[in-house]
Amino acid sequence: MLLTSRRTVLDKCIDLENEIRGLFKIFGIKLPPKLGHGSFDKTVRAVIEADEKLSHALLPMLDARLVLYETFRVLDNRTCHLAWGDKICERLMTAPGVGYVTALTFKSGVDDPTRFKRSRTVAAHSGLTLGARSPVNSTSTVISPKQAMPKSFLAVLLIRVTPTAEHRPGNTKVAARLGNIAALNCVF
Protein backbone atom coordinates (compact mmCIF):
# COMPACT_ATOMS: atom_id res chain seq x y z
CA MET A 1 0.00 0.00 0.00
CA LEU A 2 2.93 2.34 0.70
CA LEU A 3 4.26 1.87 -2.83
CA THR A 4 0.85 2.61 -4.33
CA SER A 5 0.42 5.75 -2.22
CA ARG A 6 3.90 6.91 -3.17
CA ARG A 7 3.24 6.39 -6.87
CA THR A 8 -0.18 8.10 -6.75
CA VAL A 9 1.16 11.20 -5.01
CA LEU A 10 4.05 11.40 -7.48
CA ASP A 11 1.67 11.08 -10.43
CA LYS A 12 -0.49 13.94 -9.12
CA CYS A 13 2.60 16.05 -8.54
CA ILE A 14 3.70 15.46 -12.14
CA ASP A 15 0.18 16.25 -13.37
CA LEU A 16 0.29 19.64 -11.64
CA GLU A 17 3.78 20.34 -13.00
CA ASN A 18 2.58 19.60 -16.53
CA GLU A 19 -0.51 21.77 -16.02
CA ILE A 20 1.65 24.68 -14.87
CA ARG A 21 3.96 24.16 -17.85
CA GLY A 22 0.96 24.20 -20.19
CA LEU A 23 -0.40 27.41 -18.69
CA PHE A 24 3.05 28.99 -18.95
CA LYS A 25 3.08 28.09 -22.62
CA ILE A 26 -0.16 30.04 -23.13
CA PHE A 27 1.59 33.15 -21.76
CA GLY A 28 4.64 32.53 -23.95
CA ILE A 29 6.91 31.42 -21.11
CA LYS A 30 8.93 28.28 -21.71
CA LEU A 31 10.50 26.36 -18.85
CA PRO A 32 13.63 24.23 -19.22
CA PRO A 33 12.73 20.67 -20.27
CA LYS A 34 14.95 19.02 -17.66
CA LEU A 35 13.66 20.74 -14.56
CA GLY A 36 13.80 18.36 -11.59
CA HIS A 37 11.01 17.91 -9.06
CA GLY A 38 13.08 19.49 -6.28
CA SER A 39 14.08 22.62 -8.22
CA PHE A 40 10.70 23.10 -9.92
CA ASP A 41 9.21 25.25 -7.15
CA LYS A 42 12.16 27.66 -6.88
CA THR A 43 12.43 28.17 -10.62
CA VAL A 44 8.72 28.60 -11.28
CA ARG A 45 7.86 30.66 -8.19
CA ALA A 46 10.26 33.44 -9.22
CA VAL A 47 8.61 33.68 -12.65
CA ILE A 48 5.07 33.57 -11.23
CA GLU A 49 5.62 36.21 -8.55
CA ALA A 50 7.08 38.63 -11.12
CA ASP A 51 3.71 38.87 -12.91
CA GLU A 52 0.55 39.77 -10.95
CA LYS A 53 -1.82 38.03 -13.40
CA LEU A 54 0.14 34.80 -13.19
CA SER A 55 0.27 35.07 -9.39
CA HIS A 56 -3.50 34.96 -9.01
CA ALA A 57 -3.90 31.99 -11.33
CA LEU A 58 -0.85 29.84 -10.71
CA LEU A 59 0.33 30.39 -7.14
CA PRO A 60 -2.45 28.21 -5.64
CA MET A 61 -1.53 25.42 -8.05
CA LEU A 62 2.15 25.79 -7.21
CA ASP A 63 1.37 25.71 -3.49
CA ALA A 64 -0.72 22.55 -3.94
CA ARG A 65 2.10 20.99 -5.96
CA LEU A 66 4.58 21.87 -3.20
CA VAL A 67 2.43 20.15 -0.56
CA LEU A 68 2.13 17.08 -2.79
CA TYR A 69 5.88 17.03 -3.39
CA GLU A 70 6.63 17.26 0.35
CA THR A 71 4.19 14.41 0.95
CA PHE A 72 5.91 12.41 -1.77
CA ARG A 73 9.30 12.98 -0.12
CA VAL A 74 7.94 11.70 3.21
CA LEU A 75 6.48 8.59 1.54
CA ASP A 76 9.67 8.08 -0.45
CA ASN A 77 11.80 8.23 2.71
CA ARG A 78 9.52 5.71 4.41
CA THR A 79 9.80 3.42 1.41
CA CYS A 80 13.58 3.73 1.40
CA HIS A 81 13.88 3.01 5.13
CA LEU A 82 11.51 0.06 4.83
CA ALA A 83 13.61 -1.46 2.05
CA TRP A 84 16.93 -0.92 3.80
CA GLY A 85 15.53 -2.45 6.97
CA ASP A 86 14.63 -5.71 5.24
CA LYS A 87 17.30 -8.36 4.59
CA ILE A 88 15.59 -9.70 1.47
CA CYS A 89 15.30 -6.25 -0.08
CA GLU A 90 18.91 -5.49 0.80
CA ARG A 91 19.99 -8.63 -1.01
CA LEU A 92 17.89 -7.78 -4.06
CA MET A 93 19.37 -4.27 -4.13
CA THR A 94 22.88 -5.69 -4.50
CA ALA A 95 21.99 -6.51 -8.11
CA PRO A 96 22.91 -3.74 -10.55
CA GLY A 97 20.00 -1.50 -11.47
CA VAL A 98 17.71 -2.72 -8.69
CA GLY A 99 16.72 0.02 -6.26
CA TYR A 100 14.56 0.08 -3.19
CA VAL A 101 11.27 0.51 -5.08
CA THR A 102 11.97 -2.46 -7.36
CA ALA A 103 13.10 -4.60 -4.43
CA LEU A 104 10.01 -3.82 -2.36
CA THR A 105 7.70 -4.39 -5.31
CA PHE A 106 9.31 -7.74 -6.05
CA LYS A 107 9.12 -8.75 -2.39
CA SER A 108 5.45 -7.81 -2.17
CA GLY A 109 4.70 -9.69 -5.40
CA VAL A 110 6.55 -12.81 -4.25
CA ASP A 111 5.49 -12.82 -0.63
CA ASP A 112 6.29 -16.50 0.06
CA PRO A 113 9.14 -17.80 -2.13
CA THR A 114 8.77 -21.37 -0.82
CA ARG A 115 5.59 -21.86 -2.85
CA PHE A 116 7.62 -21.78 -6.08
CA LYS A 117 9.43 -25.01 -6.91
CA ARG A 118 11.54 -23.35 -9.60
CA SER A 119 12.67 -19.80 -10.14
CA ARG A 120 11.20 -19.79 -13.64
CA THR A 121 7.67 -20.07 -12.25
CA VAL A 122 8.03 -16.67 -10.54
CA ALA A 123 7.86 -14.92 -13.91
CA ALA A 124 4.72 -16.81 -14.88
CA HIS A 125 3.13 -16.01 -11.52
CA SER A 126 3.75 -12.30 -12.07
CA GLY A 127 2.35 -12.34 -15.58
CA LEU A 128 5.61 -12.29 -17.51
CA THR A 129 4.43 -14.72 -20.11
CA LEU A 130 3.84 -14.17 -23.77
CA GLY A 131 0.44 -13.48 -25.23
CA ALA A 132 -1.80 -16.26 -26.46
CA ARG A 133 -1.07 -15.57 -30.13
CA SER A 134 2.66 -15.14 -29.79
CA PRO A 135 4.79 -17.10 -32.25
CA VAL A 136 7.25 -18.13 -29.53
CA ASN A 137 4.91 -19.74 -27.02
CA SER A 138 1.37 -20.76 -27.80
CA THR A 139 0.35 -21.88 -24.30
CA SER A 140 0.91 -18.57 -22.48
CA THR A 141 -1.70 -16.28 -21.01
CA VAL A 142 -2.14 -12.54 -21.02
CA ILE A 143 -1.70 -10.62 -17.77
CA SER A 144 -4.50 -8.83 -15.99
CA PRO A 145 -4.33 -5.02 -15.50
CA LYS A 146 -4.01 -5.30 -11.72
CA GLN A 147 -0.71 -7.16 -12.15
CA ALA A 148 0.84 -4.48 -14.36
CA MET A 149 2.92 -2.74 -11.69
CA PRO A 150 4.61 -5.85 -10.26
CA LYS A 151 5.10 -7.12 -13.82
CA SER A 152 6.98 -4.01 -14.89
CA PHE A 153 9.27 -4.08 -11.87
CA LEU A 154 9.86 -7.81 -12.23
CA ALA A 155 10.76 -7.27 -15.87
CA VAL A 156 13.31 -4.63 -14.86
CA LEU A 157 14.70 -6.96 -12.23
CA LEU A 158 14.97 -9.92 -14.58
CA ILE A 159 16.33 -7.99 -17.56
CA ARG A 160 19.10 -6.42 -15.50
CA VAL A 161 20.00 -9.47 -13.43
CA THR A 162 19.69 -12.35 -15.88
CA PRO A 163 22.75 -13.69 -17.68
CA THR A 164 24.04 -11.65 -20.58
CA ALA A 165 23.87 -12.62 -24.23
CA GLU A 166 27.31 -14.23 -23.97
CA HIS A 167 25.86 -16.84 -21.64
CA ARG A 168 22.67 -17.25 -23.68
CA PRO A 169 23.51 -16.72 -27.36
CA GLY A 170 19.91 -16.85 -28.61
CA ASN A 171 18.63 -14.09 -26.33
CA THR A 172 19.83 -11.13 -28.37
CA LYS A 173 18.22 -12.49 -31.52
CA VAL A 174 14.93 -13.11 -29.75
CA ALA A 175 15.06 -9.69 -28.05
CA ALA A 176 15.73 -7.95 -31.35
CA ARG A 177 12.91 -9.79 -33.09
CA LEU A 178 10.20 -10.07 -30.41
CA GLY A 179 11.25 -7.84 -27.50
CA ASN A 180 12.78 -8.21 -24.06
CA ILE A 181 9.85 -10.11 -22.53
CA ALA A 182 10.25 -12.89 -25.10
CA ALA A 183 13.98 -12.95 -24.36
CA LEU A 184 13.18 -13.32 -20.67
CA ASN A 185 11.15 -16.43 -21.41
CA CYS A 186 14.17 -17.84 -23.22
CA VAL A 187 16.29 -17.29 -20.11
CA PHE A 188 14.03 -19.49 -18.01
C-alpha atoms as a PDB file:
ATOM      1  CA  MET A   1       0.000   0.000   0.000  1.00  0.00           C
ATOM      2  CA  LEU A   2       2.928   2.336   0.702  1.00  0.00           C
ATOM      3  CA  LEU A   3       4.256   1.873  -2.828  1.00  0.00           C
ATOM      4  CA  THR A   4       0.848   2.610  -4.325  1.00  0.00           C
ATOM      5  CA  SER A   5       0.418   5.752  -2.220  1.00  0.00           C
ATOM      6  CA  ARG A   6       3.901   6.914  -3.171  1.00  0.00           C
ATOM      7  CA  ARG A   7       3.239   6.394  -6.874  1.00  0.00           C
ATOM      8  CA  THR A   8      -0.184   8.095  -6.748  1.00  0.00           C
ATOM      9  CA  VAL A   9       1.160  11.199  -5.014  1.00  0.00           C
ATOM     10  CA  LEU A  10       4.055  11.403  -7.477  1.00  0.00           C
ATOM     11  CA  ASP A  11       1.669  11.084 -10.434  1.00  0.00           C
ATOM     12  CA  LYS A  12      -0.492  13.938  -9.117  1.00  0.00           C
ATOM     13  CA  CYS A  13       2.604  16.047  -8.539  1.00  0.00           C
ATOM     14  CA  ILE A  14       3.703  15.455 -12.135  1.00  0.00           C
ATOM     15  CA  ASP A  15       0.181  16.253 -13.368  1.00  0.00           C
ATOM     16  CA  LEU A  16       0.289  19.642 -11.638  1.00  0.00           C
ATOM     17  CA  GLU A  17       3.780  20.337 -13.005  1.00  0.00           C
ATOM     18  CA  ASN A  18       2.579  19.604 -16.528  1.00  0.00           C
ATOM     19  CA  GLU A  19      -0.510  21.768 -16.022  1.00  0.00           C
ATOM     20  CA  ILE A  20       1.654  24.678 -14.870  1.00  0.00           C
ATOM     21  CA  ARG A  21       3.961  24.159 -17.853  1.00  0.00           C
ATOM     22  CA  GLY A  22       0.961  24.198 -20.188  1.00  0.00           C
ATOM     23  CA  LEU A  23      -0.397  27.413 -18.686  1.00  0.00           C
ATOM     24  CA  PHE A  24       3.047  28.995 -18.952  1.00  0.00           C
ATOM     25  CA  LYS A  25       3.081  28.088 -22.625  1.00  0.00           C
ATOM     26  CA  ILE A  26      -0.158  30.042 -23.134  1.00  0.00           C
ATOM     27  CA  PHE A  27       1.587  33.149 -21.762  1.00  0.00           C
ATOM     28  CA  GLY A  28       4.643  32.528 -23.950  1.00  0.00           C
ATOM     29  CA  ILE A  29       6.911  31.417 -21.112  1.00  0.00           C
ATOM     30  CA  LYS A  30       8.935  28.275 -21.712  1.00  0.00           C
ATOM     31  CA  LEU A  31      10.499  26.363 -18.851  1.00  0.00           C
ATOM     32  CA  PRO A  32      13.631  24.230 -19.219  1.00  0.00           C
ATOM     33  CA  PRO A  33      12.730  20.671 -20.268  1.00  0.00           C
ATOM     34  CA  LYS A  34      14.948  19.018 -17.656  1.00  0.00           C
ATOM     35  CA  LEU A  35      13.661  20.739 -14.556  1.00  0.00           C
ATOM     36  CA  GLY A  36      13.800  18.363 -11.592  1.00  0.00           C
ATOM     37  CA  HIS A  37      11.011  17.909  -9.061  1.00  0.00           C
ATOM     38  CA  GLY A  38      13.081  19.495  -6.284  1.00  0.00           C
ATOM     39  CA  SER A  39      14.083  22.624  -8.216  1.00  0.00           C
ATOM     40  CA  PHE A  40      10.703  23.101  -9.923  1.00  0.00           C
ATOM     41  CA  ASP A  41       9.210  25.246  -7.154  1.00  0.00           C
ATOM     42  CA  LYS A  42      12.165  27.665  -6.881  1.00  0.00           C
ATOM     43  CA  THR A  43      12.428  28.173 -10.622  1.00  0.00           C
ATOM     44  CA  VAL A  44       8.720  28.598 -11.278  1.00  0.00           C
ATOM     45  CA  ARG A  45       7.862  30.659  -8.191  1.00  0.00           C
ATOM     46  CA  ALA A  46      10.263  33.436  -9.217  1.00  0.00           C
ATOM     47  CA  VAL A  47       8.614  33.679 -12.645  1.00  0.00           C
ATOM     48  CA  ILE A  48       5.074  33.566 -11.230  1.00  0.00           C
ATOM     49  CA  GLU A  49       5.622  36.207  -8.550  1.00  0.00           C
ATOM     50  CA  ALA A  50       7.078  38.626 -11.121  1.00  0.00           C
ATOM     51  CA  ASP A  51       3.709  38.869 -12.908  1.00  0.00           C
ATOM     52  CA  GLU A  52       0.550  39.766 -10.946  1.00  0.00           C
ATOM     53  CA  LYS A  53      -1.820  38.030 -13.400  1.00  0.00           C
ATOM     54  CA  LEU A  54       0.144  34.804 -13.189  1.00  0.00           C
ATOM     55  CA  SER A  55       0.267  35.071  -9.394  1.00  0.00           C
ATOM     56  CA  HIS A  56      -3.502  34.957  -9.014  1.00  0.00           C
ATOM     57  CA  ALA A  57      -3.902  31.989 -11.335  1.00  0.00           C
ATOM     58  CA  LEU A  58      -0.846  29.841 -10.708  1.00  0.00           C
ATOM     59  CA  LEU A  59       0.330  30.393  -7.137  1.00  0.00           C
ATOM     60  CA  PRO A  60      -2.450  28.214  -5.638  1.00  0.00           C
ATOM     61  CA  MET A  61      -1.530  25.417  -8.053  1.00  0.00           C
ATOM     62  CA  LEU A  62       2.154  25.787  -7.215  1.00  0.00           C
ATOM     63  CA  ASP A  63       1.374  25.709  -3.487  1.00  0.00           C
ATOM     64  CA  ALA A  64      -0.721  22.549  -3.939  1.00  0.00           C
ATOM     65  CA  ARG A  65       2.102  20.986  -5.956  1.00  0.00           C
ATOM     66  CA  LEU A  66       4.585  21.867  -3.201  1.00  0.00           C
ATOM     67  CA  VAL A  67       2.432  20.151  -0.563  1.00  0.00           C
ATOM     68  CA  LEU A  68       2.132  17.077  -2.787  1.00  0.00           C
ATOM     69  CA  TYR A  69       5.885  17.027  -3.386  1.00  0.00           C
ATOM     70  CA  GLU A  70       6.633  17.263   0.349  1.00  0.00           C
ATOM     71  CA  THR A  71       4.185  14.412   0.955  1.00  0.00           C
ATOM     72  CA  PHE A  72       5.908  12.409  -1.770  1.00  0.00           C
ATOM     73  CA  ARG A  73       9.299  12.982  -0.117  1.00  0.00           C
ATOM     74  CA  VAL A  74       7.937  11.695   3.208  1.00  0.00           C
ATOM     75  CA  LEU A  75       6.478   8.590   1.535  1.00  0.00           C
ATOM     76  CA  ASP A  76       9.674   8.077  -0.454  1.00  0.00           C
ATOM     77  CA  ASN A  77      11.798   8.232   2.706  1.00  0.00           C
ATOM     78  CA  ARG A  78       9.515   5.711   4.414  1.00  0.00           C
ATOM     79  CA  THR A  79       9.803   3.422   1.414  1.00  0.00           C
ATOM     80  CA  CYS A  80      13.581   3.734   1.403  1.00  0.00           C
ATOM     81  CA  HIS A  81      13.884   3.008   5.133  1.00  0.00           C
ATOM     82  CA  LEU A  82      11.513   0.062   4.835  1.00  0.00           C
ATOM     83  CA  ALA A  83      13.614  -1.463   2.050  1.00  0.00           C
ATOM     84  CA  TRP A  84      16.934  -0.922   3.801  1.00  0.00           C
ATOM     85  CA  GLY A  85      15.532  -2.452   6.973  1.00  0.00           C
ATOM     86  CA  ASP A  86      14.630  -5.707   5.236  1.00  0.00           C
ATOM     87  CA  LYS A  87      17.298  -8.360   4.591  1.00  0.00           C
ATOM     88  CA  ILE A  88      15.590  -9.702   1.467  1.00  0.00           C
ATOM     89  CA  CYS A  89      15.302  -6.251  -0.075  1.00  0.00           C
ATOM     90  CA  GLU A  90      18.914  -5.488   0.795  1.00  0.00           C
ATOM     91  CA  ARG A  91      19.993  -8.628  -1.010  1.00  0.00           C
ATOM     92  CA  LEU A  92      17.892  -7.779  -4.061  1.00  0.00           C
ATOM     93  CA  MET A  93      19.375  -4.270  -4.127  1.00  0.00           C
ATOM     94  CA  THR A  94      22.882  -5.689  -4.505  1.00  0.00           C
ATOM     95  CA  ALA A  95      21.989  -6.513  -8.114  1.00  0.00           C
ATOM     96  CA  PRO A  96      22.915  -3.743 -10.546  1.00  0.00           C
ATOM     97  CA  GLY A  97      20.003  -1.502 -11.468  1.00  0.00           C
ATOM     98  CA  VAL A  98      17.708  -2.721  -8.689  1.00  0.00           C
ATOM     99  CA  GLY A  99      16.716   0.022  -6.261  1.00  0.00           C
ATOM    100  CA  TYR A 100      14.561   0.083  -3.190  1.00  0.00           C
ATOM    101  CA  VAL A 101      11.274   0.506  -5.079  1.00  0.00           C
ATOM    102  CA  THR A 102      11.971  -2.457  -7.361  1.00  0.00           C
ATOM    103  CA  ALA A 103      13.099  -4.603  -4.434  1.00  0.00           C
ATOM    104  CA  LEU A 104      10.012  -3.816  -2.356  1.00  0.00           C
ATOM    105  CA  THR A 105       7.705  -4.388  -5.309  1.00  0.00           C
ATOM    106  CA  PHE A 106       9.314  -7.739  -6.053  1.00  0.00           C
ATOM    107  CA  LYS A 107       9.119  -8.748  -2.394  1.00  0.00           C
ATOM    108  CA  SER A 108       5.454  -7.808  -2.174  1.00  0.00           C
ATOM    109  CA  GLY A 109       4.702  -9.694  -5.403  1.00  0.00           C
ATOM    110  CA  VAL A 110       6.554 -12.807  -4.250  1.00  0.00           C
ATOM    111  CA  ASP A 111       5.492 -12.824  -0.629  1.00  0.00           C
ATOM    112  CA  ASP A 112       6.293 -16.498   0.062  1.00  0.00           C
ATOM    113  CA  PRO A 113       9.144 -17.802  -2.126  1.00  0.00           C
ATOM    114  CA  THR A 114       8.771 -21.368  -0.816  1.00  0.00           C
ATOM    115  CA  ARG A 115       5.588 -21.858  -2.851  1.00  0.00           C
ATOM    116  CA  PHE A 116       7.624 -21.781  -6.081  1.00  0.00           C
ATOM    117  CA  LYS A 117       9.430 -25.008  -6.906  1.00  0.00           C
ATOM    118  CA  ARG A 118      11.540 -23.352  -9.599  1.00  0.00           C
ATOM    119  CA  SER A 119      12.665 -19.797 -10.140  1.00  0.00           C
ATOM    120  CA  ARG A 120      11.204 -19.795 -13.641  1.00  0.00           C
ATOM    121  CA  THR A 121       7.671 -20.072 -12.249  1.00  0.00           C
ATOM    122  CA  VAL A 122       8.027 -16.666 -10.539  1.00  0.00           C
ATOM    123  CA  ALA A 123       7.859 -14.920 -13.913  1.00  0.00           C
ATOM    124  CA  ALA A 124       4.725 -16.807 -14.883  1.00  0.00           C
ATOM    125  CA  HIS A 125       3.127 -16.011 -11.522  1.00  0.00           C
ATOM    126  CA  SER A 126       3.751 -12.296 -12.074  1.00  0.00           C
ATOM    127  CA  GLY A 127       2.352 -12.343 -15.582  1.00  0.00           C
ATOM    128  CA  LEU A 128       5.610 -12.290 -17.511  1.00  0.00           C
ATOM    129  CA  THR A 129       4.426 -14.724 -20.114  1.00  0.00           C
ATOM    130  CA  LEU A 130       3.844 -14.167 -23.767  1.00  0.00           C
ATOM    131  CA  GLY A 131       0.438 -13.480 -25.226  1.00  0.00           C
ATOM    132  CA  ALA A 132      -1.796 -16.262 -26.457  1.00  0.00           C
ATOM    133  CA  ARG A 133      -1.069 -15.572 -30.132  1.00  0.00           C
ATOM    134  CA  SER A 134       2.656 -15.145 -29.788  1.00  0.00           C
ATOM    135  CA  PRO A 135       4.793 -17.099 -32.248  1.00  0.00           C
ATOM    136  CA  VAL A 136       7.246 -18.127 -29.528  1.00  0.00           C
ATOM    137  CA  ASN A 137       4.909 -19.735 -27.019  1.00  0.00           C
ATOM    138  CA  SER A 138       1.369 -20.755 -27.803  1.00  0.00           C
ATOM    139  CA  THR A 139       0.351 -21.883 -24.295  1.00  0.00           C
ATOM    140  CA  SER A 140       0.910 -18.573 -22.479  1.00  0.00           C
ATOM    141  CA  THR A 141      -1.703 -16.285 -21.011  1.00  0.00           C
ATOM    142  CA  VAL A 142      -2.145 -12.540 -21.023  1.00  0.00           C
ATOM    143  CA  ILE A 143      -1.695 -10.620 -17.769  1.00  0.00           C
ATOM    144  CA  SER A 144      -4.502  -8.825 -15.992  1.00  0.00           C
ATOM    145  CA  PRO A 145      -4.329  -5.023 -15.498  1.00  0.00           C
ATOM    146  CA  LYS A 146      -4.010  -5.298 -11.717  1.00  0.00           C
ATOM    147  CA  GLN A 147      -0.714  -7.160 -12.152  1.00  0.00           C
ATOM    148  CA  ALA A 148       0.837  -4.476 -14.363  1.00  0.00           C
ATOM    149  CA  MET A 149       2.924  -2.738 -11.690  1.00  0.00           C
ATOM    150  CA  PRO A 150       4.612  -5.854 -10.262  1.00  0.00           C
ATOM    151  CA  LYS A 151       5.103  -7.125 -13.819  1.00  0.00           C
ATOM    152  CA  SER A 152       6.985  -4.009 -14.885  1.00  0.00           C
ATOM    153  CA  PHE A 153       9.274  -4.078 -11.870  1.00  0.00           C
ATOM    154  CA  LEU A 154       9.857  -7.812 -12.229  1.00  0.00           C
ATOM    155  CA  ALA A 155      10.765  -7.273 -15.871  1.00  0.00           C
ATOM    156  CA  VAL A 156      13.315  -4.630 -14.864  1.00  0.00           C
ATOM    157  CA  LEU A 157      14.705  -6.964 -12.229  1.00  0.00           C
ATOM    158  CA  LEU A 158      14.974  -9.925 -14.575  1.00  0.00           C
ATOM    159  CA  ILE A 159      16.328  -7.990 -17.557  1.00  0.00           C
ATOM    160  CA  ARG A 160      19.101  -6.422 -15.496  1.00  0.00           C
ATOM    161  CA  VAL A 161      20.004  -9.468 -13.431  1.00  0.00           C
ATOM    162  CA  THR A 162      19.689 -12.347 -15.883  1.00  0.00           C
ATOM    163  CA  PRO A 163      22.754 -13.694 -17.684  1.00  0.00           C
ATOM    164  CA  THR A 164      24.039 -11.651 -20.583  1.00  0.00           C
ATOM    165  CA  ALA A 165      23.874 -12.625 -24.229  1.00  0.00           C
ATOM    166  CA  GLU A 166      27.313 -14.228 -23.974  1.00  0.00           C
ATOM    167  CA  HIS A 167      25.856 -16.836 -21.637  1.00  0.00           C
ATOM    168  CA  ARG A 168      22.669 -17.250 -23.677  1.00  0.00           C
ATOM    169  CA  PRO A 169      23.514 -16.717 -27.358  1.00  0.00           C
ATOM    170  CA  GLY A 170      19.909 -16.850 -28.607  1.00  0.00           C
ATOM    171  CA  ASN A 171      18.632 -14.087 -26.325  1.00  0.00           C
ATOM    172  CA  THR A 172      19.831 -11.133 -28.372  1.00  0.00           C
ATOM    173  CA  LYS A 173      18.219 -12.491 -31.516  1.00  0.00           C
ATOM    174  CA  VAL A 174      14.926 -13.110 -29.747  1.00  0.00           C
ATOM    175  CA  ALA A 175      15.058  -9.689 -28.051  1.00  0.00           C
ATOM    176  CA  ALA A 176      15.732  -7.945 -31.352  1.00  0.00           C
ATOM    177  CA  ARG A 177      12.907  -9.788 -33.091  1.00  0.00           C
ATOM    178  CA  LEU A 178      10.202 -10.068 -30.406  1.00  0.00           C
ATOM    179  CA  GLY A 179      11.253  -7.836 -27.502  1.00  0.00           C
ATOM    180  CA  ASN A 180      12.775  -8.213 -24.057  1.00  0.00           C
ATOM    181  CA  ILE A 181       9.852 -10.111 -22.525  1.00  0.00           C
ATOM    182  CA  ALA A 182      10.249 -12.891 -25.097  1.00  0.00           C
ATOM    183  CA  ALA A 183      13.978 -12.949 -24.355  1.00  0.00           C
ATOM    184  CA  LEU A 184      13.178 -13.324 -20.670  1.00  0.00           C
ATOM    185  CA  ASN A 185      11.146 -16.432 -21.415  1.00  0.00           C
ATOM    186  CA  CYS A 186      14.169 -17.843 -23.216  1.00  0.00           C
ATOM    187  CA  VAL A 187      16.293 -17.292 -20.114  1.00  0.00           C
ATOM    188  CA  PHE A 188      14.034 -19.493 -18.015  1.00  0.00           C
END
